[in-house]
Amino acid sequence: MTRGRRFERLARDFLVSQGLRFVEANFATRFGEIDLIMLDGRVLVFVEVKYRSSERFGTSLEQVTQGKIRRIKLAAQAYLQAYPAQVEAVRFDVVGISPEGKGYRFNWVKGAFQ
């Protein structure tokens, strides 16, 4: 398992522990990739996972650039067209992961961008 996939799995487990349901991981299109797709009730959540060993050069949320946001939105549109589902809304979240003691700290930003 690659380092990125390992942190995506940690984020997935964290979100499940918070009550979300897992739908899919690493949905890829020619536009970009969505790390995790989850359900929060009837809200479909597209999740970007960012690991930062240090916040010295910015937080995980600050690492999600406008270009990355555009690619995530395009990939989300492709997902919704390929898999139309009965959802009330969609949301874009970011889960930042950083080391803390012998474990990790999770910074979950719901609705990080529109």
N, C-alpha and C. Protein backbone atom coordinates (compact mmCIF):
# COMPACT_ATOMS: atom_id res chain seq x y z
N MET A 1 0.86 -1.18 0.00
CA MET A 1 0.00 0.00 0.00
C MET A 1 0.90 1.24 0.00
N THR A 2 0.61 2.16 -0.91
CA THR A 2 1.41 3.38 -0.98
C THR A 2 1.12 4.27 0.22
N ARG A 3 2.01 5.20 0.45
CA ARG A 3 1.84 6.12 1.57
C ARG A 3 0.53 6.89 1.46
N GLY A 4 0.23 7.38 0.24
CA GLY A 4 -1.02 8.12 0.04
C GLY A 4 -2.24 7.27 0.34
N ARG A 5 -2.23 6.04 -0.12
CA ARG A 5 -3.37 5.13 0.12
C ARG A 5 -3.51 4.82 1.61
N ARG A 6 -2.37 4.73 2.30
CA ARG A 6 -2.42 4.45 3.75
C ARG A 6 -3.14 5.60 4.48
N PHE A 7 -2.84 6.84 4.11
CA PHE A 7 -3.49 7.97 4.77
C PHE A 7 -4.94 8.11 4.34
N GLU A 8 -5.25 7.75 3.11
CA GLU A 8 -6.65 7.73 2.69
C GLU A 8 -7.42 6.70 3.50
N ARG A 9 -6.81 5.56 3.80
CA ARG A 9 -7.47 4.53 4.61
C ARG A 9 -7.68 5.02 6.05
N LEU A 10 -6.69 5.73 6.59
CA LEU A 10 -6.84 6.32 7.92
C LEU A 10 -7.99 7.32 7.93
N ALA A 11 -8.07 8.16 6.90
CA ALA A 11 -9.16 9.15 6.81
C ALA A 11 -10.50 8.44 6.69
N ARG A 12 -10.54 7.41 5.88
CA ARG A 12 -11.79 6.64 5.70
C ARG A 12 -12.24 6.06 7.04
N ASP A 13 -11.33 5.43 7.77
CA ASP A 13 -11.68 4.85 9.07
C ASP A 13 -12.14 5.93 10.04
N PHE A 14 -11.48 7.09 10.01
CA PHE A 14 -11.87 8.21 10.86
C PHE A 14 -13.29 8.66 10.53
N LEU A 15 -13.58 8.85 9.25
CA LEU A 15 -14.91 9.32 8.85
C LEU A 15 -15.99 8.30 9.18
N VAL A 16 -15.71 7.03 9.01
CA VAL A 16 -16.67 5.98 9.40
C VAL A 16 -16.92 6.05 10.90
N SER A 17 -15.87 6.30 11.68
CA SER A 17 -16.05 6.40 13.14
C SER A 17 -16.90 7.62 13.51
N GLN A 18 -16.99 8.60 12.59
CA GLN A 18 -17.80 9.79 12.81
C GLN A 18 -19.23 9.65 12.27
N GLY A 19 -19.55 8.46 11.76
CA GLY A 19 -20.92 8.19 11.32
C GLY A 19 -21.15 8.22 9.83
N LEU A 20 -20.14 8.50 9.03
CA LEU A 20 -20.31 8.50 7.58
C LEU A 20 -20.22 7.07 7.06
N ARG A 21 -20.80 6.84 5.89
CA ARG A 21 -20.72 5.52 5.25
C ARG A 21 -19.82 5.61 4.03
N PHE A 22 -18.97 4.61 3.89
CA PHE A 22 -18.04 4.56 2.77
C PHE A 22 -18.79 4.17 1.50
N VAL A 23 -18.48 4.85 0.39
CA VAL A 23 -19.05 4.55 -0.91
C VAL A 23 -17.97 4.05 -1.86
N GLU A 24 -16.90 4.83 -2.03
CA GLU A 24 -15.87 4.47 -3.00
C GLU A 24 -14.58 5.22 -2.68
N ALA A 25 -13.46 4.63 -3.08
CA ALA A 25 -12.16 5.28 -2.92
C ALA A 25 -11.50 5.42 -4.29
N ASN A 26 -10.76 6.50 -4.45
CA ASN A 26 -9.93 6.73 -5.63
C ASN A 26 -10.71 6.66 -6.94
N PHE A 27 -11.81 7.39 -6.99
CA PHE A 27 -12.58 7.50 -8.23
C PHE A 27 -11.79 8.40 -9.17
N ALA A 28 -11.35 7.84 -10.29
CA ALA A 28 -10.48 8.58 -11.21
C ALA A 28 -11.17 8.79 -12.55
N THR A 29 -11.00 9.99 -13.08
CA THR A 29 -11.47 10.33 -14.43
C THR A 29 -10.31 11.02 -15.13
N ARG A 30 -10.54 11.38 -16.37
CA ARG A 30 -9.50 12.12 -17.09
C ARG A 30 -9.33 13.52 -16.50
N PHE A 31 -10.31 13.97 -15.72
CA PHE A 31 -10.25 15.30 -15.12
C PHE A 31 -9.44 15.32 -13.83
N GLY A 32 -9.48 14.22 -13.10
CA GLY A 32 -8.82 14.17 -11.80
C GLY A 32 -9.34 13.00 -10.99
N GLU A 33 -8.94 12.96 -9.74
CA GLU A 33 -9.30 11.85 -8.85
C GLU A 33 -9.93 12.40 -7.58
N ILE A 34 -10.89 11.63 -7.07
CA ILE A 34 -11.48 11.93 -5.77
C ILE A 34 -10.99 10.85 -4.82
N ASP A 35 -10.38 11.28 -3.71
CA ASP A 35 -9.78 10.33 -2.78
C ASP A 35 -10.84 9.41 -2.17
N LEU A 36 -11.89 10.01 -1.59
CA LEU A 36 -12.94 9.23 -0.95
C LEU A 36 -14.31 9.80 -1.31
N ILE A 37 -15.27 8.91 -1.46
CA ILE A 37 -16.67 9.31 -1.60
C ILE A 37 -17.41 8.65 -0.47
N MET A 38 -18.11 9.44 0.31
CA MET A 38 -18.79 8.97 1.51
C MET A 38 -20.24 9.46 1.50
N LEU A 39 -21.05 8.87 2.34
CA LEU A 39 -22.41 9.36 2.56
C LEU A 39 -22.55 9.84 3.99
N ASP A 40 -23.08 11.04 4.15
CA ASP A 40 -23.39 11.60 5.46
C ASP A 40 -24.90 11.78 5.47
N GLY A 41 -25.60 10.74 5.91
CA GLY A 41 -27.05 10.71 5.76
C GLY A 41 -27.37 10.57 4.29
N ARG A 42 -28.07 11.56 3.73
CA ARG A 42 -28.39 11.55 2.29
C ARG A 42 -27.55 12.58 1.53
N VAL A 43 -26.47 13.02 2.15
CA VAL A 43 -25.54 13.96 1.51
C VAL A 43 -24.34 13.16 1.01
N LEU A 44 -24.07 13.27 -0.29
CA LEU A 44 -22.91 12.62 -0.88
C LEU A 44 -21.71 13.53 -0.67
N VAL A 45 -20.67 12.99 -0.06
CA VAL A 45 -19.51 13.80 0.33
C VAL A 45 -18.29 13.36 -0.48
N PHE A 46 -17.69 14.32 -1.18
CA PHE A 46 -16.45 14.10 -1.91
C PHE A 46 -15.32 14.61 -1.02
N VAL A 47 -14.37 13.73 -0.72
CA VAL A 47 -13.36 14.04 0.29
C VAL A 47 -11.96 14.07 -0.33
N GLU A 48 -11.25 15.14 -0.07
CA GLU A 48 -9.83 15.24 -0.42
C GLU A 48 -9.03 15.00 0.86
N VAL A 49 -8.07 14.10 0.80
CA VAL A 49 -7.25 13.76 1.96
C VAL A 49 -5.86 14.36 1.76
N LYS A 50 -5.38 15.06 2.78
CA LYS A 50 -4.05 15.66 2.73
C LYS A 50 -3.28 15.31 3.99
N TYR A 51 -2.09 14.78 3.81
CA TYR A 51 -1.20 14.50 4.93
C TYR A 51 -0.11 15.56 4.96
N ARG A 52 0.16 16.08 6.13
CA ARG A 52 1.23 17.05 6.31
C ARG A 52 2.06 16.60 7.51
N SER A 53 3.34 16.39 7.31
CA SER A 53 4.20 16.00 8.43
C SER A 53 4.44 17.19 9.34
N SER A 54 4.22 18.40 8.81
CA SER A 54 4.40 19.61 9.59
C SER A 54 3.55 20.71 8.94
N GLU A 55 3.09 21.64 9.75
CA GLU A 55 2.33 22.77 9.21
C GLU A 55 3.22 23.99 9.03
N ARG A 56 4.52 23.77 9.05
CA ARG A 56 5.49 24.85 8.91
C ARG A 56 5.30 25.61 7.59
N PHE A 57 4.88 24.90 6.53
CA PHE A 57 4.72 25.53 5.22
C PHE A 57 3.25 25.61 4.82
N GLY A 58 2.36 25.58 5.79
CA GLY A 58 0.94 25.71 5.51
C GLY A 58 0.15 24.50 5.99
N THR A 59 -1.11 24.73 6.24
CA THR A 59 -1.99 23.66 6.69
C THR A 59 -2.41 22.78 5.52
N SER A 60 -2.99 21.64 5.85
CA SER A 60 -3.46 20.74 4.80
C SER A 60 -4.53 21.41 3.94
N LEU A 61 -5.39 22.20 4.54
CA LEU A 61 -6.44 22.88 3.78
C LEU A 61 -5.82 23.88 2.80
N GLU A 62 -4.75 24.55 3.22
CA GLU A 62 -4.10 25.51 2.34
C GLU A 62 -3.41 24.84 1.16
N GLN A 63 -3.18 23.53 1.26
CA GLN A 63 -2.53 22.79 0.18
C GLN A 63 -3.51 22.41 -0.94
N VAL A 64 -4.81 22.63 -0.70
CA VAL A 64 -5.81 22.35 -1.72
C VAL A 64 -5.97 23.62 -2.56
N THR A 65 -5.30 23.62 -3.70
CA THR A 65 -5.24 24.81 -4.55
C THR A 65 -6.53 24.97 -5.36
N GLN A 66 -6.67 26.14 -5.98
CA GLN A 66 -7.83 26.38 -6.84
C GLN A 66 -7.84 25.39 -8.01
N GLY A 67 -6.68 25.06 -8.55
CA GLY A 67 -6.62 24.07 -9.62
C GLY A 67 -7.08 22.71 -9.16
N LYS A 68 -6.69 22.33 -7.96
CA LYS A 68 -7.11 21.03 -7.40
C LYS A 68 -8.62 21.03 -7.16
N ILE A 69 -9.14 22.13 -6.66
CA ILE A 69 -10.59 22.24 -6.44
C ILE A 69 -11.34 22.09 -7.75
N ARG A 70 -10.85 22.73 -8.80
CA ARG A 70 -11.50 22.63 -10.12
C ARG A 70 -11.51 21.18 -10.60
N ARG A 71 -10.38 20.48 -10.45
CA ARG A 71 -10.31 19.08 -10.89
C ARG A 71 -11.22 18.17 -10.06
N ILE A 72 -11.31 18.43 -8.76
CA ILE A 72 -12.20 17.64 -7.90
C ILE A 72 -13.65 17.85 -8.33
N LYS A 73 -14.03 19.09 -8.60
CA LYS A 73 -15.40 19.38 -9.02
C LYS A 73 -15.74 18.71 -10.35
N LEU A 74 -14.80 18.74 -11.28
CA LEU A 74 -15.04 18.07 -12.57
C LEU A 74 -15.18 16.57 -12.38
N ALA A 75 -14.34 15.98 -11.55
CA ALA A 75 -14.44 14.55 -11.28
C ALA A 75 -15.75 14.23 -10.57
N ALA A 76 -16.19 15.10 -9.67
CA ALA A 76 -17.46 14.89 -8.97
C ALA A 76 -18.63 14.93 -9.96
N GLN A 77 -18.59 15.86 -10.90
CA GLN A 77 -19.64 15.92 -11.93
C GLN A 77 -19.66 14.63 -12.74
N ALA A 78 -18.49 14.13 -13.11
CA ALA A 78 -18.41 12.88 -13.86
C ALA A 78 -18.97 11.72 -13.04
N TYR A 79 -18.68 11.70 -11.74
CA TYR A 79 -19.21 10.64 -10.87
C TYR A 79 -20.73 10.70 -10.83
N LEU A 80 -21.28 11.89 -10.65
CA LEU A 80 -22.73 12.05 -10.54
C LEU A 80 -23.43 11.67 -11.85
N GLN A 81 -22.79 11.91 -12.98
CA GLN A 81 -23.37 11.51 -14.26
C GLN A 81 -23.30 10.00 -14.45
N ALA A 82 -22.20 9.40 -14.02
CA ALA A 82 -22.02 7.95 -14.19
C ALA A 82 -22.86 7.15 -13.19
N TYR A 83 -23.04 7.71 -11.99
CA TYR A 83 -23.76 7.00 -10.93
C TYR A 83 -24.82 7.91 -10.32
N PRO A 84 -25.88 8.19 -11.07
CA PRO A 84 -26.93 9.04 -10.49
C PRO A 84 -27.54 8.35 -9.28
N ALA A 85 -27.59 9.07 -8.21
CA ALA A 85 -28.10 8.49 -6.96
C ALA A 85 -29.14 9.43 -6.35
N GLN A 86 -29.91 8.89 -5.47
CA GLN A 86 -30.91 9.68 -4.76
C GLN A 86 -30.26 10.32 -3.54
N VAL A 87 -29.68 11.48 -3.74
CA VAL A 87 -29.06 12.22 -2.64
C VAL A 87 -29.70 13.59 -2.56
N GLU A 88 -29.72 14.14 -1.37
CA GLU A 88 -30.31 15.46 -1.19
C GLU A 88 -29.36 16.57 -1.61
N ALA A 89 -28.06 16.33 -1.43
CA ALA A 89 -27.08 17.36 -1.72
C ALA A 89 -25.70 16.71 -1.84
N VAL A 90 -24.75 17.50 -2.27
CA VAL A 90 -23.36 17.07 -2.27
C VAL A 90 -22.55 18.07 -1.44
N ARG A 91 -21.43 17.59 -0.96
CA ARG A 91 -20.57 18.43 -0.14
C ARG A 91 -19.11 18.07 -0.44
N PHE A 92 -18.24 19.05 -0.34
CA PHE A 92 -16.82 18.83 -0.56
C PHE A 92 -16.08 19.07 0.76
N ASP A 93 -15.46 18.01 1.28
CA ASP A 93 -14.73 18.09 2.54
C ASP A 93 -13.25 17.87 2.32
N VAL A 94 -12.46 18.33 3.26
CA VAL A 94 -11.03 18.04 3.29
C VAL A 94 -10.72 17.43 4.65
N VAL A 95 -9.96 16.35 4.65
CA VAL A 95 -9.46 15.76 5.89
C VAL A 95 -7.95 15.90 5.88
N GLY A 96 -7.46 16.71 6.80
CA GLY A 96 -6.02 16.87 6.96
C GLY A 96 -5.54 15.93 8.05
N ILE A 97 -4.43 15.28 7.80
CA ILE A 97 -3.86 14.35 8.77
C ILE A 97 -2.44 14.81 9.06
N SER A 98 -2.10 14.87 10.34
CA SER A 98 -0.74 15.22 10.73
C SER A 98 -0.35 14.39 11.95
N PRO A 99 0.94 14.15 12.12
CA PRO A 99 1.38 13.34 13.26
C PRO A 99 1.12 14.06 14.58
N GLU A 100 0.77 13.26 15.58
CA GLU A 100 0.56 13.80 16.93
C GLU A 100 0.92 12.71 17.92
N GLY A 101 1.98 12.91 18.66
CA GLY A 101 2.43 11.88 19.59
C GLY A 101 2.77 10.61 18.82
N LYS A 102 2.19 9.50 19.25
CA LYS A 102 2.41 8.22 18.57
C LYS A 102 1.31 7.92 17.56
N GLY A 103 0.40 8.87 17.38
CA GLY A 103 -0.71 8.66 16.45
C GLY A 103 -0.82 9.82 15.47
N TYR A 104 -2.06 10.13 15.14
CA TYR A 104 -2.32 11.17 14.16
C TYR A 104 -3.42 12.09 14.65
N ARG A 105 -3.38 13.32 14.18
CA ARG A 105 -4.44 14.29 14.44
C ARG A 105 -5.20 14.49 13.12
N PHE A 106 -6.52 14.51 13.22
CA PHE A 106 -7.37 14.69 12.04
C PHE A 106 -8.02 16.06 12.10
N ASN A 107 -7.91 16.80 11.02
CA ASN A 107 -8.56 18.09 10.89
C ASN A 107 -9.58 17.95 9.76
N TRP A 108 -10.84 17.76 10.14
CA TRP A 108 -11.92 17.52 9.17
C TRP A 108 -12.65 18.82 8.92
N VAL A 109 -12.55 19.32 7.70
CA VAL A 109 -13.24 20.56 7.33
C VAL A 109 -14.42 20.20 6.44
N LYS A 110 -15.62 20.28 7.02
CA LYS A 110 -16.84 20.01 6.26
C LYS A 110 -17.14 21.23 5.39
N GLY A 111 -17.55 20.97 4.15
CA GLY A 111 -17.88 22.08 3.26
C GLY A 111 -16.69 23.00 3.03
N ALA A 112 -15.53 22.42 2.81
CA ALA A 112 -14.29 23.19 2.65
C ALA A 112 -14.36 24.14 1.46
N PHE A 113 -15.10 23.75 0.45
CA PHE A 113 -15.32 24.61 -0.72
C PHE A 113 -16.64 24.24 -1.36
N GLN A 114 -17.15 25.14 -2.20
CA GLN A 114 -18.46 24.94 -2.85
C GLN A 114 -18.28 24.52 -4.28
